[in-house]
Amino acid sequence: MLAMAVSIRAGRSNVLAEVMVQRAGCDASLLLASISTIALAVFWFYVPETKTVLRSAAVQP
């Protein structure tokens, strides 16, 4: 059931991206990709759950 939901979502994402390129042009798609890349970088560097913890700092007696 989960695999079916993931595959439907992936297919729908590709269709929506194609529709956006056809209607708004490549510039809008590039802008959206840039925004999502910046959001990924913000989450990667500033959200504590995504930071790598050193083993020596994590294990304390």
C-alpha atoms as a PDB file:
ATOM      1  CA  MET A   1       0.000   0.000   0.000  1.00  0.00           C
ATOM      2  CA  LEU A   2       2.814   2.404   0.882  1.00  0.00           C
ATOM      3  CA  ALA A   3       4.734   1.566  -2.289  1.00  0.00           C
ATOM      4  CA  MET A   4       1.635   2.287  -4.350  1.00  0.00           C
ATOM      5  CA  ALA A   5       1.178   5.677  -2.678  1.00  0.00           C
ATOM      6  CA  VAL A   6       4.831   6.573  -3.254  1.00  0.00           C
ATOM      7  CA  SER A   7       4.698   5.574  -6.914  1.00  0.00           C
ATOM      8  CA  ILE A   8       1.500   7.559  -7.506  1.00  0.00           C
ATOM      9  CA  ARG A   9       3.064  10.606  -5.870  1.00  0.00           C
ATOM     10  CA  ALA A  10       6.231  10.279  -7.967  1.00  0.00           C
ATOM     11  CA  GLY A  11       4.244  10.039 -11.175  1.00  0.00           C
ATOM     12  CA  ARG A  12       2.055  12.989 -10.266  1.00  0.00           C
ATOM     13  CA  SER A  13       5.127  15.063  -9.443  1.00  0.00           C
ATOM     14  CA  ASN A  14       6.591  14.482 -12.907  1.00  0.00           C
ATOM     15  CA  VAL A  15       3.319  15.369 -14.605  1.00  0.00           C
ATOM     16  CA  LEU A  16       2.943  18.574 -12.577  1.00  0.00           C
ATOM     17  CA  ALA A  17       6.528  19.588 -13.362  1.00  0.00           C
ATOM     18  CA  GLU A  18       5.914  19.086 -17.080  1.00  0.00           C
ATOM     19  CA  VAL A  19       2.706  21.118 -16.957  1.00  0.00           C
ATOM     20  CA  MET A  20       4.519  23.913 -15.136  1.00  0.00           C
ATOM     21  CA  VAL A  21       7.286  24.007 -17.759  1.00  0.00           C
ATOM     22  CA  GLN A  22       4.751  24.107 -20.584  1.00  0.00           C
ATOM     23  CA  ARG A  23       2.633  26.872 -19.055  1.00  0.00           C
ATOM     24  CA  ALA A  24       5.112  29.048 -17.174  1.00  0.00           C
ATOM     25  CA  GLY A  25       8.345  28.293 -18.999  1.00  0.00           C
ATOM     26  CA  CYS A  26      11.711  27.010 -17.955  1.00  0.00           C
ATOM     27  CA  ASP A  27      12.500  30.110 -15.878  1.00  0.00           C
ATOM     28  CA  ALA A  28       9.716  29.343 -13.399  1.00  0.00           C
ATOM     29  CA  SER A  29      10.887  25.748 -13.101  1.00  0.00           C
ATOM     30  CA  LEU A  30      14.455  26.879 -12.488  1.00  0.00           C
ATOM     31  CA  LEU A  31      13.230  29.299  -9.823  1.00  0.00           C
ATOM     32  CA  LEU A  32      11.279  26.537  -8.078  1.00  0.00           C
ATOM     33  CA  ALA A  33      14.300  24.213  -8.197  1.00  0.00           C
ATOM     34  CA  SER A  34      16.489  26.958  -6.718  1.00  0.00           C
ATOM     35  CA  ILE A  35      14.054  27.597  -3.886  1.00  0.00           C
ATOM     36  CA  SER A  36      13.849  23.910  -3.050  1.00  0.00           C
ATOM     37  CA  THR A  37      17.659  23.614  -3.079  1.00  0.00           C
ATOM     38  CA  ILE A  38      17.962  26.535  -0.669  1.00  0.00           C
ATOM     39  CA  ALA A  39      15.320  24.964   1.593  1.00  0.00           C
ATOM     40  CA  LEU A  40      17.244  21.677   1.590  1.00  0.00           C
ATOM     41  CA  ALA A  41      20.453  23.484   2.550  1.00  0.00           C
ATOM     42  CA  VAL A  42      18.706  25.339   5.385  1.00  0.00           C
ATOM     43  CA  PHE A  43      17.303  22.116   6.807  1.00  0.00           C
ATOM     44  CA  TRP A  44      20.617  20.294   6.353  1.00  0.00           C
ATOM     45  CA  PHE A  45      22.704  22.865   8.210  1.00  0.00           C
ATOM     46  CA  TYR A  46      20.314  24.400  10.759  1.00  0.00           C
ATOM     47  CA  VAL A  47      17.874  21.698  11.872  1.00  0.00           C
ATOM     48  CA  PRO A  48      19.407  19.705  14.758  1.00  0.00           C
ATOM     49  CA  GLU A  49      17.856  16.387  13.721  1.00  0.00           C
ATOM     50  CA  THR A  50      19.811  16.384  10.445  1.00  0.00           C
ATOM     51  CA  LYS A  51      23.215  17.117  11.982  1.00  0.00           C
ATOM     52  CA  THR A  52      25.766  14.357  12.333  1.00  0.00           C
ATOM     53  CA  VAL A  53      26.724  13.618  15.925  1.00  0.00           C
ATOM     54  CA  LEU A  54      30.274  12.590  16.684  1.00  0.00           C
ATOM     55  CA  ARG A  55      30.513   9.293  18.529  1.00  0.00           C
ATOM     56  CA  SER A  56      33.011  10.614  21.069  1.00  0.00           C
ATOM     57  CA  ALA A  57      30.669  13.439  22.007  1.00  0.00           C
ATOM     58  CA  ALA A  58      27.590  11.194  22.067  1.00  0.00           C
ATOM     59  CA  VAL A  59      29.026   8.520  24.358  1.00  0.00           C
ATOM     60  CA  GLN A  60      29.702   9.923  27.779  1.00  0.00           C
ATOM     61  CA  PRO A  61      30.117   7.848  30.953  1.00  0.00           C
END
